Amino acid sequence: MTDTTDGPLLLIVDGANVVGSRPDGWWRDRRGAAERLRDRLAAEGLPGHDGPVEIVLVVEGAARGVESVPGVRVEQAPGSGDDRIVELVAEQQGRPRLVVTSDRELRRRVTALGAEVTGPRALLG
């Protein structure tokens, strides 16, 4: 079996987990917090990564309705954001995938599919 990787790095961001990693009042305006994260991703990309990156921000619950912008595709999870992230990882076999989350169970699920994982600090500093 030959391992081939095709395409730019796919960066999948667990929006609820990353937004919730900082106690900055996000719970008062979940959609606004997700929009701020989206805008930061669009402006900064993945710090420390020089190659091309396709960024997908997965939102759920009260953050649904956040729109995509140039550089960041927003995926509205119809149910569980974690389940949508696992689906995205599975759909993109054969290319490098990095999931940003600190959720242990989600980490287990996506690494079983061959994705790499990093925590929110990789984006938020």
PDB file of N, CA and C in Angstrom:
ATOM      1  N   MET A   1       0.842  -1.184   0.000  1.00  0.00           N
ATOM      2  CA  MET A   1       0.000   0.000   0.000  1.00  0.00           C
ATOM      3  C   MET A   1       0.883   1.243   0.000  1.00  0.00           C
ATOM      4  N   THR A   2       0.600   2.138  -0.897  1.00  0.00           N
ATOM      5  CA  THR A   2       1.397   3.352  -1.033  1.00  0.00           C
ATOM      6  C   THR A   2       0.685   4.508  -0.354  1.00  0.00           C
ATOM      7  N   ASP A   3       1.421   5.234   0.480  1.00  0.00           N
ATOM      8  CA  ASP A   3       0.853   6.396   1.163  1.00  0.00           C
ATOM      9  C   ASP A   3       1.114   7.615   0.300  1.00  0.00           C
ATOM     10  N   THR A   4       0.055   8.232  -0.194  1.00  0.00           N
ATOM     11  CA  THR A   4       0.204   9.436  -1.002  1.00  0.00           C
ATOM     12  C   THR A   4      -0.507  10.582  -0.317  1.00  0.00           C
ATOM     13  N   THR A   5       0.113  11.735  -0.377  1.00  0.00           N
ATOM     14  CA  THR A   5      -0.537  12.927   0.168  1.00  0.00           C
ATOM     15  C   THR A   5      -0.662  13.930  -0.957  1.00  0.00           C
ATOM     16  N   ASP A   6      -1.845  14.465  -1.067  1.00  0.00           N
ATOM     17  CA  ASP A   6      -2.146  15.371  -2.162  1.00  0.00           C
ATOM     18  C   ASP A   6      -2.819  16.626  -1.637  1.00  0.00           C
ATOM     19  N   GLY A   7      -2.383  17.750  -2.119  1.00  0.00           N
ATOM     20  CA  GLY A   7      -3.058  18.993  -1.782  1.00  0.00           C
ATOM     21  C   GLY A   7      -2.456  19.699  -0.584  1.00  0.00           C
ATOM     22  N   PRO A   8      -2.935  20.921  -0.365  1.00  0.00           N
ATOM     23  CA  PRO A   8      -2.431  21.706   0.772  1.00  0.00           C
ATOM     24  C   PRO A   8      -2.919  21.110   2.092  1.00  0.00           C
ATOM     25  N   LEU A   9      -2.279  21.526   3.156  1.00  0.00           N
ATOM     26  CA  LEU A   9      -2.705  21.119   4.494  1.00  0.00           C
ATOM     27  C   LEU A   9      -4.159  21.537   4.708  1.00  0.00           C
ATOM     28  N   LEU A  10      -4.970  20.616   5.196  1.00  0.00           N
ATOM     29  CA  LEU A  10      -6.343  20.933   5.564  1.00  0.00           C
ATOM     30  C   LEU A  10      -6.359  21.167   7.066  1.00  0.00           C
ATOM     31  N   LEU A  11      -6.620  22.396   7.463  1.00  0.00           N
ATOM     32  CA  LEU A  11      -6.697  22.785   8.863  1.00  0.00           C
ATOM     33  C   LEU A  11      -8.168  22.840   9.244  1.00  0.00           C
ATOM     34  N   ILE A  12      -8.581  21.947  10.148  1.00  0.00           N
ATOM     35  CA  ILE A  12      -9.969  21.893  10.593  1.00  0.00           C
ATOM     36  C   ILE A  12     -10.007  22.375  12.038  1.00  0.00           C
ATOM     37  N   VAL A  13     -10.766  23.428  12.278  1.00  0.00           N
ATOM     38  CA  VAL A  13     -10.798  24.066  13.589  1.00  0.00           C
ATOM     39  C   VAL A  13     -12.118  23.761  14.280  1.00  0.00           C
ATOM     40  N   ASP A  14     -12.028  23.191  15.476  1.00  0.00           N
ATOM     41  CA  ASP A  14     -13.184  22.927  16.331  1.00  0.00           C
ATOM     42  C   ASP A  14     -13.571  24.262  16.967  1.00  0.00           C
ATOM     43  N   GLY A  15     -14.459  24.987  16.289  1.00  0.00           N
ATOM     44  CA  GLY A  15     -14.794  26.345  16.699  1.00  0.00           C
ATOM     45  C   GLY A  15     -15.238  26.462  18.151  1.00  0.00           C
ATOM     46  N   ALA A  16     -16.154  25.618  18.583  1.00  0.00           N
ATOM     47  CA  ALA A  16     -16.659  25.706  19.956  1.00  0.00           C
ATOM     48  C   ALA A  16     -15.545  25.462  20.966  1.00  0.00           C
ATOM     49  N   ASN A  17     -14.675  24.511  20.684  1.00  0.00           N
ATOM     50  CA  ASN A  17     -13.602  24.179  21.612  1.00  0.00           C
ATOM     51  C   ASN A  17     -12.564  25.286  21.683  1.00  0.00           C
ATOM     52  N   VAL A  18     -12.188  25.832  20.520  1.00  0.00           N
ATOM     53  CA  VAL A  18     -11.178  26.887  20.508  1.00  0.00           C
ATOM     54  C   VAL A  18     -11.717  28.161  21.140  1.00  0.00           C
ATOM     55  N   VAL A  19     -12.936  28.554  20.787  1.00  0.00           N
ATOM     56  CA  VAL A  19     -13.548  29.747  21.381  1.00  0.00           C
ATOM     57  C   VAL A  19     -13.676  29.573  22.897  1.00  0.00           C
ATOM     58  N   GLY A  20     -14.071  28.387  23.331  1.00  0.00           N
ATOM     59  CA  GLY A  20     -14.268  28.122  24.751  1.00  0.00           C
ATOM     60  C   GLY A  20     -12.992  27.987  25.555  1.00  0.00           C
ATOM     61  N   SER A  21     -11.839  28.005  24.888  1.00  0.00           N
ATOM     62  CA  SER A  21     -10.569  27.828  25.597  1.00  0.00           C
ATOM     63  C   SER A  21     -10.096  29.099  26.290  1.00  0.00           C
ATOM     64  N   ARG A  22     -10.758  30.215  26.023  1.00  0.00           N
ATOM     65  CA  ARG A  22     -10.387  31.493  26.652  1.00  0.00           C
ATOM     66  C   ARG A  22     -11.595  32.110  27.344  1.00  0.00           C
ATOM     67  N   PRO A  23     -11.462  32.438  28.611  1.00  0.00           N
ATOM     68  CA  PRO A  23     -12.585  33.042  29.337  1.00  0.00           C
ATOM     69  C   PRO A  23     -12.712  34.538  29.053  1.00  0.00           C
ATOM     70  N   ASP A  24     -13.119  34.880  27.824  1.00  0.00           N
ATOM     71  CA  ASP A  24     -13.184  36.288  27.421  1.00  0.00           C
ATOM     72  C   ASP A  24     -14.616  36.792  27.229  1.00  0.00           C
ATOM     73  N   GLY A  25     -15.585  36.061  27.781  1.00  0.00           N
ATOM     74  CA  GLY A  25     -16.975  36.468  27.653  1.00  0.00           C
ATOM     75  C   GLY A  25     -17.671  35.888  26.435  1.00  0.00           C
ATOM     76  N   TRP A  26     -17.058  34.920  25.767  1.00  0.00           N
ATOM     77  CA  TRP A  26     -17.612  34.325  24.550  1.00  0.00           C
ATOM     78  C   TRP A  26     -19.029  33.809  24.749  1.00  0.00           C
ATOM     79  N   TRP A  27     -19.364  33.378  25.961  1.00  0.00           N
ATOM     80  CA  TRP A  27     -20.673  32.775  26.239  1.00  0.00           C
ATOM     81  C   TRP A  27     -21.816  33.776  26.109  1.00  0.00           C
ATOM     82  N   ARG A  28     -21.509  35.067  26.130  1.00  0.00           N
ATOM     83  CA  ARG A  28     -22.554  36.087  25.960  1.00  0.00           C
ATOM     84  C   ARG A  28     -22.930  36.277  24.489  1.00  0.00           C
ATOM     85  N   ASP A  29     -22.013  35.913  23.589  1.00  0.00           N
ATOM     86  CA  ASP A  29     -22.252  36.089  22.152  1.00  0.00           C
ATOM     87  C   ASP A  29     -21.448  35.041  21.395  1.00  0.00           C
ATOM     88  N   ARG A  30     -21.973  33.829  21.357  1.00  0.00           N
ATOM     89  CA  ARG A  30     -21.245  32.718  20.731  1.00  0.00           C
ATOM     90  C   ARG A  30     -21.008  32.951  19.243  1.00  0.00           C
ATOM     91  N   ARG A  31     -22.005  33.468  18.567  1.00  0.00           N
ATOM     92  CA  ARG A  31     -21.842  33.729  17.134  1.00  0.00           C
ATOM     93  C   ARG A  31     -20.772  34.789  16.896  1.00  0.00           C
ATOM     94  N   GLY A  32     -20.808  35.863  17.672  1.00  0.00           N
ATOM     95  CA  GLY A  32     -19.793  36.908  17.546  1.00  0.00           C
ATOM     96  C   GLY A  32     -18.395  36.388  17.841  1.00  0.00           C
ATOM     97  N   ALA A  33     -18.273  35.514  18.838  1.00  0.00           N
ATOM     98  CA  ALA A  33     -16.972  34.918  19.167  1.00  0.00           C
ATOM     99  C   ALA A  33     -16.475  34.057  18.008  1.00  0.00           C
ATOM    100  N   ALA A  34     -17.377  33.292  17.388  1.00  0.00           N
ATOM    101  CA  ALA A  34     -16.999  32.462  16.239  1.00  0.00           C
ATOM    102  C   ALA A  34     -16.589  33.337  15.057  1.00  0.00           C
ATOM    103  N   GLU A  35     -17.263  34.462  14.866  1.00  0.00           N
ATOM    104  CA  GLU A  35     -16.901  35.385  13.783  1.00  0.00           C
ATOM    105  C   GLU A  35     -15.523  35.999  14.027  1.00  0.00           C
ATOM    106  N   ARG A  36     -15.229  36.329  15.272  1.00  0.00           N
ATOM    107  CA  ARG A  36     -13.900  36.881  15.590  1.00  0.00           C
ATOM    108  C   ARG A  36     -12.810  35.838  15.327  1.00  0.00           C
ATOM    109  N   LEU A  37     -13.085  34.575  15.690  1.00  0.00           N
ATOM    110  CA  LEU A  37     -12.123  33.511  15.419  1.00  0.00           C
ATOM    111  C   LEU A  37     -11.942  33.339  13.908  1.00  0.00           C
ATOM    112  N   ARG A  38     -13.037  33.321  13.169  1.00  0.00           N
ATOM    113  CA  ARG A  38     -12.977  33.206  11.707  1.00  0.00           C
ATOM    114  C   ARG A  38     -12.116  34.322  11.114  1.00  0.00           C
ATOM    115  N   ASP A  39     -12.339  35.548  11.571  1.00  0.00           N
ATOM    116  CA  ASP A  39     -11.599  36.692  11.039  1.00  0.00           C
ATOM    117  C   ASP A  39     -10.115  36.606  11.380  1.00  0.00           C
ATOM    118  N   ARG A  40      -9.817  36.115  12.575  1.00  0.00           N
ATOM    119  CA  ARG A  40      -8.416  35.942  12.967  1.00  0.00           C
ATOM    120  C   ARG A  40      -7.744  34.881  12.094  1.00  0.00           C
ATOM    121  N   LEU A  41      -8.471  33.786  11.846  1.00  0.00           N
ATOM    122  CA  LEU A  41      -7.934  32.734  10.977  1.00  0.00           C
ATOM    123  C   LEU A  41      -7.693  33.266   9.568  1.00  0.00           C
ATOM    124  N   ALA A  42      -8.618  34.062   9.059  1.00  0.00           N
ATOM    125  CA  ALA A  42      -8.487  34.629   7.712  1.00  0.00           C
ATOM    126  C   ALA A  42      -7.270  35.556   7.636  1.00  0.00           C
ATOM    127  N   ALA A  43      -7.015  36.304   8.693  1.00  0.00           N
ATOM    128  CA  ALA A  43      -5.913  37.266   8.697  1.00  0.00           C
ATOM    129  C   ALA A  43      -4.560  36.599   8.949  1.00  0.00           C
ATOM    130  N   GLU A  44      -4.536  35.603   9.865  1.00  0.00           N
ATOM    131  CA  GLU A  44      -3.258  35.047  10.313  1.00  0.00           C
ATOM    132  C   GLU A  44      -2.964  33.647   9.802  1.00  0.00           C
ATOM    133  N   GLY A  45      -3.979  32.913   9.354  1.00  0.00           N
ATOM    134  CA  GLY A  45      -3.744  31.539   8.927  1.00  0.00           C
ATOM    135  C   GLY A  45      -3.267  30.681  10.084  1.00  0.00           C
ATOM    136  N   LEU A  46      -2.358  29.774   9.808  1.00  0.00           N
ATOM    137  CA  LEU A  46      -1.782  28.899  10.830  1.00  0.00           C
ATOM    138  C   LEU A  46      -0.386  29.411  11.164  1.00  0.00           C
ATOM    139  N   PRO A  47      -0.213  30.038  12.329  1.00  0.00           N
ATOM    140  CA  PRO A  47       1.097  30.567  12.699  1.00  0.00           C
ATOM    141  C   PRO A  47       2.182  29.491  12.610  1.00  0.00           C
ATOM    142  N   GLY A  48       3.307  29.862  12.002  1.00  0.00           N
ATOM    143  CA  GLY A  48       4.439  28.954  11.909  1.00  0.00           C
ATOM    144  C   GLY A  48       4.394  27.989  10.740  1.00  0.00           C
ATOM    145  N   HIS A  49       3.337  28.035   9.932  1.00  0.00           N
ATOM    146  CA  HIS A  49       3.231  27.149   8.769  1.00  0.00           C
ATOM    147  C   HIS A  49       3.375  27.993   7.506  1.00  0.00           C
ATOM    148  N   ASP A  50       4.395  27.682   6.709  1.00  0.00           N
ATOM    149  CA  ASP A  50       4.679  28.488   5.530  1.00  0.00           C
ATOM    150  C   ASP A  50       3.951  28.047   4.275  1.00  0.00           C
ATOM    151  N   GLY A  51       3.581  26.782   4.184  1.00  0.00           N
ATOM    152  CA  GLY A  51       2.958  26.269   2.972  1.00  0.00           C
ATOM    153  C   GLY A  51       1.495  26.656   2.861  1.00  0.00           C
ATOM    154  N   PRO A  52       0.878  26.229   1.753  1.00  0.00           N
ATOM    155  CA  PRO A  52      -0.547  26.525   1.568  1.00  0.00           C
ATOM    156  C   PRO A  52      -1.411  25.784   2.576  1.00  0.00           C
ATOM    157  N   VAL A  53      -2.471  26.447   3.014  1.00  0.00           N
ATOM    158  CA  VAL A  53      -3.385  25.883   4.005  1.00  0.00           C
ATOM    159  C   VAL A  53      -4.813  26.145   3.557  1.00  0.00           C
ATOM    160  N   GLU A  54      -5.642  25.111   3.615  1.00  0.00           N
ATOM    161  CA  GLU A  54      -7.082  25.264   3.429  1.00  0.00           C
ATOM    162  C   GLU A  54      -7.686  25.223   4.823  1.00  0.00           C
ATOM    163  N   ILE A  55      -8.373  26.295   5.212  1.00  0.00           N
ATOM    164  CA  ILE A  55      -8.897  26.401   6.572  1.00  0.00           C
ATOM    165  C   ILE A  55     -10.400  26.175   6.576  1.00  0.00           C
ATOM    166  N   VAL A  56     -10.840  25.264   7.462  1.00  0.00           N
ATOM    167  CA  VAL A  56     -12.256  25.002   7.656  1.00  0.00           C
ATOM    168  C   VAL A  56     -12.564  25.200   9.136  1.00  0.00           C
ATOM    169  N   LEU A  57     -13.501  26.081   9.427  1.00  0.00           N
ATOM    170  CA  LEU A  57     -13.958  26.343  10.791  1.00  0.00           C
ATOM    171  C   LEU A  57     -15.311  25.670  10.958  1.00  0.00           C
ATOM    172  N   VAL A  58     -15.403  24.736  11.901  1.00  0.00           N
ATOM    173  CA  VAL A  58     -16.657  24.027  12.141  1.00  0.00           C
ATOM    174  C   VAL A  58     -17.363  24.690  13.324  1.00  0.00           C
ATOM    175  N   VAL A  59     -18.621  25.120  13.075  1.00  0.00           N
ATOM    176  CA  VAL A  59     -19.424  25.762  14.121  1.00  0.00           C
ATOM    177  C   VAL A  59     -20.685  24.950  14.363  1.00  0.00           C
ATOM    178  N   GLU A  60     -21.226  25.116  15.555  1.00  0.00           N
ATOM    179  CA  GLU A  60     -22.428  24.377  15.942  1.00  0.00           C
ATOM    180  C   GLU A  60     -23.263  25.239  16.881  1.00  0.00           C
ATOM    181  N   GLY A  61     -24.464  24.792  17.145  1.00  0.00           N
ATOM    182  CA  GLY A  61     -25.322  25.449  18.132  1.00  0.00           C
ATOM    183  C   GLY A  61     -25.547  26.917  17.847  1.00  0.00           C
ATOM    184  N   ALA A  62     -25.364  27.733  18.892  1.00  0.00           N
ATOM    185  CA  ALA A  62     -25.634  29.171  18.803  1.00  0.00           C
ATOM    186  C   ALA A  62     -24.697  29.898  17.841  1.00  0.00           C
ATOM    187  N   ALA A  63     -23.607  29.245  17.422  1.00  0.00           N
ATOM    188  CA  ALA A  63     -22.679  29.881  16.487  1.00  0.00           C
ATOM    189  C   ALA A  63     -23.061  29.616  15.033  1.00  0.00           C
ATOM    190  N   ARG A  64     -24.093  28.805  14.805  1.00  0.00           N
ATOM    191  CA  ARG A  64     -24.519  28.565  13.419  1.00  0.00           C
ATOM    192  C   ARG A  64     -24.940  29.891  12.792  1.00  0.00           C
ATOM    193  N   GLY A  65     -24.721  30.003  11.502  1.00  0.00           N
ATOM    194  CA  GLY A  65     -25.067  31.234  10.803  1.00  0.00           C
ATOM    195  C   GLY A  65     -23.849  32.075  10.476  1.00  0.00           C
ATOM    196  N   VAL A  66     -22.690  31.705  11.029  1.00  0.00           N
ATOM    197  CA  VAL A  66     -21.453  32.405  10.685  1.00  0.00           C
ATOM    198  C   VAL A  66     -21.133  32.073   9.229  1.00  0.00           C
ATOM    199  N   GLU A  67     -20.842  33.093   8.451  1.00  0.00           N
ATOM    200  CA  GLU A  67     -20.605  32.929   7.016  1.00  0.00           C
ATOM    201  C   GLU A  67     -19.132  32.702   6.713  1.00  0.00           C
ATOM    202  N   SER A  68     -18.871  32.032   5.604  1.00  0.00           N
ATOM    203  CA  SER A  68     -17.504  31.868   5.107  1.00  0.00           C
ATOM    204  C   SER A  68     -16.986  33.219   4.622  1.00  0.00           C
ATOM    205  N   VAL A  69     -15.680  33.375   4.656  1.00  0.00           N
ATOM    206  CA  VAL A  69     -15.009  34.562   4.117  1.00  0.00           C
ATOM    207  C   VAL A  69     -13.828  34.064   3.292  1.00  0.00           C
ATOM    208  N   PRO A  70     -13.254  34.911   2.443  1.00  0.00           N
ATOM    209  CA  PRO A  70     -12.077  34.468   1.695  1.00  0.00           C
ATOM    210  C   PRO A  70     -10.997  33.948   2.655  1.00  0.00           C
ATOM    211  N   GLY A  71     -10.559  32.730   2.399  1.00  0.00           N
ATOM    212  CA  GLY A  71      -9.515  32.123   3.220  1.00  0.00           C
ATOM    213  C   GLY A  71     -10.018  31.197   4.301  1.00  0.00           C
ATOM    214  N   VAL A  72     -11.308  31.274   4.644  1.00  0.00           N
ATOM    215  CA  VAL A  72     -11.869  30.401   5.686  1.00  0.00           C
ATOM    216  C   VAL A  72     -13.254  29.936   5.263  1.00  0.00           C
ATOM    217  N   ARG A  73     -13.386  28.624   5.088  1.00  0.00           N
ATOM    218  CA  ARG A  73     -14.701  28.037   4.817  1.00  0.00           C
ATOM    219  C   ARG A  73     -15.327  27.659   6.156  1.00  0.00           C
ATOM    220  N   VAL A  74     -16.547  28.104   6.372  1.00  0.00           N
ATOM    221  CA  VAL A  74     -17.255  27.782   7.609  1.00  0.00           C
ATOM    222  C   VAL A  74     -18.230  26.649   7.323  1.00  0.00           C
ATOM    223  N   GLU A  75     -18.128  25.594   8.117  1.00  0.00           N
ATOM    224  CA  GLU A  75     -19.024  24.440   8.024  1.00  0.00           C
ATOM    225  C   GLU A  75     -20.006  24.513   9.182  1.00  0.00           C
ATOM    226  N   GLN A  76     -21.290  24.541   8.866  1.00  0.00           N
ATOM    227  CA  GLN A  76     -22.343  24.561   9.876  1.00  0.00           C
ATOM    228  C   GLN A  76     -22.662  23.112  10.231  1.00  0.00           C
ATOM    229  N   ALA A  77     -22.302  22.673  11.410  1.00  0.00           N
ATOM    230  CA  ALA A  77     -22.596  21.294  11.812  1.00  0.00           C
ATOM    231  C   ALA A  77     -24.092  21.182  12.068  1.00  0.00           C
ATOM    232  N   PRO A  78     -24.775  20.251  11.379  1.00  0.00           N
ATOM    233  CA  PRO A  78     -26.213  20.101  11.590  1.00  0.00           C
ATOM    234  C   PRO A  78     -26.543  19.556  12.974  1.00  0.00           C
ATOM    235  N   GLY A  79     -25.601  18.877  13.576  1.00  0.00           N
ATOM    236  CA  GLY A  79     -25.766  18.317  14.923  1.00  0.00           C
ATOM    237  C   GLY A  79     -24.487  18.577  15.690  1.00  0.00           C
ATOM    238  N   SER A  80     -23.788  17.512  16.018  1.00  0.00           N
ATOM    239  CA  SER A  80     -22.532  17.592  16.757  1.00  0.00           C
ATOM    240  C   SER A  80     -21.406  18.128  15.879  1.00  0.00           C
ATOM    241  N   GLY A  81     -20.723  19.139  16.374  1.00  0.00           N
ATOM    242  CA  GLY A  81     -19.556  19.648  15.669  1.00  0.00           C
ATOM    243  C   GLY A  81     -18.465  18.595  15.578  1.00  0.00           C
ATOM    244  N   ASP A  82     -18.300  17.809  16.639  1.00  0.00           N
ATOM    245  CA  ASP A  82     -17.295  16.751  16.634  1.00  0.00           C
ATOM    246  C   ASP A  82     -17.571  15.743  15.526  1.00  0.00           C
ATOM    247  N   ASP A  83     -18.827  15.352  15.363  1.00  0.00           N
ATOM    248  CA  ASP A  83     -19.167  14.389  14.312  1.00  0.00           C
ATOM    249  C   ASP A  83     -18.862  14.959  12.934  1.00  0.00           C
ATOM    250  N   ARG A  84     -19.142  16.239  12.725  1.00  0.00           N
ATOM    251  CA  ARG A  84     -18.850  16.857  11.422  1.00  0.00           C
ATOM    252  C   ARG A  84     -17.351  16.903  11.177  1.00  0.00           C
ATOM    253  N   ILE A  85     -16.572  17.189  12.207  1.00  0.00           N
ATOM    254  CA  ILE A  85     -15.115  17.221  12.062  1.00  0.00           C
ATOM    255  C   ILE A  85     -14.596  15.842  11.668  1.00  0.00           C
ATOM    256  N   VAL A  86     -15.094  14.797  12.307  1.00  0.00           N
ATOM    257  CA  VAL A  86     -14.682  13.438  11.968  1.00  0.00           C
ATOM    258  C   VAL A  86     -15.052  13.124  10.513  1.00  0.00           C
ATOM    259  N   GLU A  87     -16.227  13.535  10.084  1.00  0.00           N
ATOM    260  CA  GLU A  87     -16.627  13.329   8.688  1.00  0.00           C
ATOM    261  C   GLU A  87     -15.670  14.028   7.729  1.00  0.00           C
ATOM    262  N   LEU A  88     -15.322  15.271   8.029  1.00  0.00           N
ATOM    263  CA  LEU A  88     -14.408  16.023   7.160  1.00  0.00           C
ATOM    264  C   LEU A  88     -13.049  15.341   7.077  1.00  0.00           C
ATOM    265  N   VAL A  89     -12.542  14.871   8.209  1.00  0.00           N
ATOM    266  CA  VAL A  89     -11.256  14.172   8.227  1.00  0.00           C
ATOM    267  C   VAL A  89     -11.342  12.911   7.372  1.00  0.00           C
ATOM    268  N   ALA A  90     -12.419  12.149   7.524  1.00  0.00           N
ATOM    269  CA  ALA A  90     -12.591  10.905   6.770  1.00  0.00           C
ATOM    270  C   ALA A  90     -12.730  11.164   5.271  1.00  0.00           C
ATOM    271  N   GLU A  91     -13.413  12.252   4.902  1.00  0.00           N
ATOM    272  CA  GLU A  91     -13.624  12.583   3.483  1.00  0.00           C
ATOM    273  C   GLU A  91     -12.332  12.984   2.784  1.00  0.00           C
ATOM    274  N   GLN A  92     -11.334  13.400   3.540  1.00  0.00           N
ATOM    275  CA  GLN A  92     -10.106  13.947   2.951  1.00  0.00           C
ATOM    276  C   GLN A  92      -8.903  13.032   3.141  1.00  0.00           C
ATOM    277  N   GLN A  93      -9.131  11.726   3.160  1.00  0.00           N
ATOM    278  CA  GLN A  93      -8.031  10.768   3.233  1.00  0.00           C
ATOM    279  C   GLN A  93      -7.071  11.049   2.086  1.00  0.00           C
ATOM    280  N   GLY A  94      -5.787  10.861   2.325  1.00  0.00           N
ATOM    281  CA  GLY A  94      -4.814  11.054   1.261  1.00  0.00           C
ATOM    282  C   GLY A  94      -4.210  12.438   1.203  1.00  0.00           C
ATOM    283  N   ARG A  95      -4.599  13.297   2.131  1.00  0.00           N
ATOM    284  CA  ARG A  95      -3.968  14.612   2.182  1.00  0.00           C
ATOM    285  C   ARG A  95      -3.653  14.938   3.631  1.00  0.00           C
ATOM    286  N   PRO A  96      -2.717  15.819   3.883  1.00  0.00           N
ATOM    287  CA  PRO A  96      -2.394  16.166   5.265  1.00  0.00           C
ATOM    288  C   PRO A  96      -3.556  16.902   5.929  1.00  0.00           C
ATOM    289  N   ARG A  97      -3.906  16.476   7.142  1.00  0.00           N
ATOM    290  CA  ARG A  97      -5.009  17.074   7.883  1.00  0.00           C
ATOM    291  C   ARG A  97      -4.555  17.367   9.307  1.00  0.00           C
ATOM    292  N   LEU A  98      -4.868  18.567   9.774  1.00  0.00           N
ATOM    293  CA  LEU A  98      -4.544  18.982  11.134  1.00  0.00           C
ATOM    294  C   LEU A  98      -5.821  19.496  11.775  1.00  0.00           C
ATOM    295  N   VAL A  99      -6.193  18.906  12.910  1.00  0.00           N
ATOM    296  CA  VAL A  99      -7.391  19.313  13.635  1.00  0.00           C
ATOM    297  C   VAL A  99      -6.964  20.085  14.873  1.00  0.00           C
ATOM    298  N   VAL A 100      -7.592  21.242  15.089  1.00  0.00           N
ATOM    299  CA  VAL A 100      -7.302  22.056  16.265  1.00  0.00           C
ATOM    300  C   VAL A 100      -8.431  21.858  17.267  1.00  0.00           C
ATOM    301  N   THR A 101      -8.103  21.195  18.387  1.00  0.00           N
ATOM    302  CA  THR A 101      -9.054  20.939  19.461  1.00  0.00           C
ATOM    303  C   THR A 101      -8.292  20.483  20.699  1.00  0.00           C
ATOM    304  N   SER A 102      -8.915  20.624  21.846  1.00  0.00           N
ATOM    305  CA  SER A 102      -8.349  20.034  23.065  1.00  0.00           C
ATOM    306  C   SER A 102      -9.269  18.935  23.595  1.00  0.00           C
ATOM    307  N   ASP A 103     -10.305  18.613  22.836  1.00  0.00           N
ATOM    308  CA  ASP A 103     -11.267  17.581  23.217  1.00  0.00           C
ATOM    309  C   ASP A 103     -10.617  16.203  23.066  1.00  0.00           C
ATOM    310  N   ARG A 104     -10.459  15.494  24.166  1.00  0.00           N
ATOM    311  CA  ARG A 104      -9.746  14.205  24.140  1.00  0.00           C
ATOM    312  C   ARG A 104     -10.406  13.168  23.255  1.00  0.00           C
ATOM    313  N   GLU A 105     -11.716  13.044  23.341  1.00  0.00           N
ATOM    314  CA  GLU A 105     -12.413  12.042  22.540  1.00  0.00           C
ATOM    315  C   GLU A 105     -12.319  12.380  21.050  1.00  0.00           C
ATOM    316  N   LEU A 106     -12.459  13.645  20.707  1.00  0.00           N
ATOM    317  CA  LEU A 106     -12.320  14.042  19.309  1.00  0.00           C
ATOM    318  C   LEU A 106     -10.897  13.778  18.825  1.00  0.00           C
ATOM    319  N   ARG A 107      -9.919  14.069  19.651  1.00  0.00           N
ATOM    320  CA  ARG A 107      -8.528  13.776  19.299  1.00  0.00           C
ATOM    321  C   ARG A 107      -8.361  12.297  18.971  1.00  0.00           C
ATOM    322  N   ARG A 108      -8.917  11.436  19.794  1.00  0.00           N
ATOM    323  CA  ARG A 108      -8.818   9.996  19.588  1.00  0.00           C
ATOM    324  C   ARG A 108      -9.454   9.600  18.262  1.00  0.00           C
ATOM    325  N   ARG A 109     -10.633  10.143  17.995  1.00  0.00           N
ATOM    326  CA  ARG A 109     -11.361   9.781  16.774  1.00  0.00           C
ATOM    327  C   ARG A 109     -10.634  10.204  15.503  1.00  0.00           C
ATOM    328  N   VAL A 110     -10.075  11.400  15.483  1.00  0.00           N
ATOM    329  CA  VAL A 110      -9.437  11.871  14.251  1.00  0.00           C
ATOM    330  C   VAL A 110      -8.038  11.297  14.062  1.00  0.00           C
ATOM    331  N   THR A 111      -7.310  11.053  15.143  1.00  0.00           N
ATOM    332  CA  THR A 111      -5.996  10.430  14.975  1.00  0.00           C
ATOM    333  C   THR A 111      -6.147   8.990  14.491  1.00  0.00           C
ATOM    334  N   ALA A 112      -7.237   8.322  14.856  1.00  0.00           N
ATOM    335  CA  ALA A 112      -7.508   6.971  14.348  1.00  0.00           C
ATOM    336  C   ALA A 112      -7.688   6.987  12.831  1.00  0.00           C
ATOM    337  N   LEU A 113      -8.047   8.149  12.285  1.00  0.00           N
ATOM    338  CA  LEU A 113      -8.220   8.302  10.833  1.00  0.00           C
ATOM    339  C   LEU A 113      -6.969   8.879  10.157  1.00  0.00           C
ATOM    340  N   GLY A 114      -5.901   9.040  10.931  1.00  0.00           N
ATOM    341  CA  GLY A 114      -4.640   9.504  10.365  1.00  0.00           C
ATOM    342  C   GLY A 114      -4.384  10.991  10.412  1.00  0.00           C
ATOM    343  N   ALA A 115      -5.255  11.753  11.059  1.00  0.00           N
ATOM    344  CA  ALA A 115      -5.048  13.208  11.157  1.00  0.00           C
ATOM    345  C   ALA A 115      -4.094  13.527  12.301  1.00  0.00           C
ATOM    346  N   GLU A 116      -3.439  14.639  12.182  1.00  0.00           N
ATOM    347  CA  GLU A 116      -2.637  15.196  13.271  1.00  0.00           C
ATOM    348  C   GLU A 116      -3.553  16.086  14.098  1.00  0.00           C
ATOM    349  N   VAL A 117      -3.157  16.350  15.347  1.00  0.00           N
ATOM    350  CA  VAL A 117      -3.964  17.193  16.236  1.00  0.00           C
ATOM    351  C   VAL A 117      -3.053  18.153  16.971  1.00  0.00           C
ATOM    352  N   THR A 118      -3.568  19.368  17.170  1.00  0.00           N
ATOM    353  CA  THR A 118      -2.877  20.351  18.008  1.00  0.00           C
ATOM    354  C   THR A 118      -3.940  21.065  18.843  1.00  0.00           C
ATOM    355  N   GLY A 119      -3.511  21.728  19.897  1.00  0.00           N
ATOM    356  CA  GLY A 119      -4.438  22.432  20.779  1.00  0.00           C
ATOM    357  C   GLY A 119      -4.684  23.869  20.343  1.00  0.00           C
ATOM    358  N   PRO A 120      -5.654  24.512  20.987  1.00  0.00           N
ATOM    359  CA  PRO A 120      -6.007  25.896  20.652  1.00  0.00           C
ATOM    360  C   PRO A 120      -4.846  26.887  20.722  1.00  0.00           C
ATOM    361  N   ARG A 121      -3.863  26.625  21.555  1.00  0.00           N
ATOM    362  CA  ARG A 121      -2.742  27.555  21.669  1.00  0.00           C
ATOM    363  C   ARG A 121      -1.981  27.716  20.358  1.00  0.00           C
ATOM    364  N   ALA A 122      -2.065  26.712  19.481  1.00  0.00           N
ATOM    365  CA  ALA A 122      -1.392  26.822  18.177  1.00  0.00           C
ATOM    366  C   ALA A 122      -1.960  27.988  17.371  1.00  0.00           C
ATOM    367  N   LEU A 123      -3.218  28.340  17.641  1.00  0.00           N
ATOM    368  CA  LEU A 123      -3.856  29.457  16.931  1.00  0.00           C
ATOM    369  C   LEU A 123      -3.880  30.728  17.744  1.00  0.00           C
ATOM    370  N   LEU A 124      -4.067  30.595  19.049  1.00  0.00           N
ATOM    371  CA  LEU A 124      -4.312  31.753  19.896  1.00  0.00           C
ATOM    372  C   LEU A 124      -3.063  32.279  20.595  1.00  0.00           C
ATOM    373  N   GLY A 125      -1.975  31.530  20.526  1.00  0.00           N
ATOM    374  CA  GLY A 125      -0.729  31.969  21.155  1.00  0.00           C
ATOM    375  C   GLY A 125      -0.689  31.834  22.635  1.00  0.00           C
TER     376      GLY A 125
END
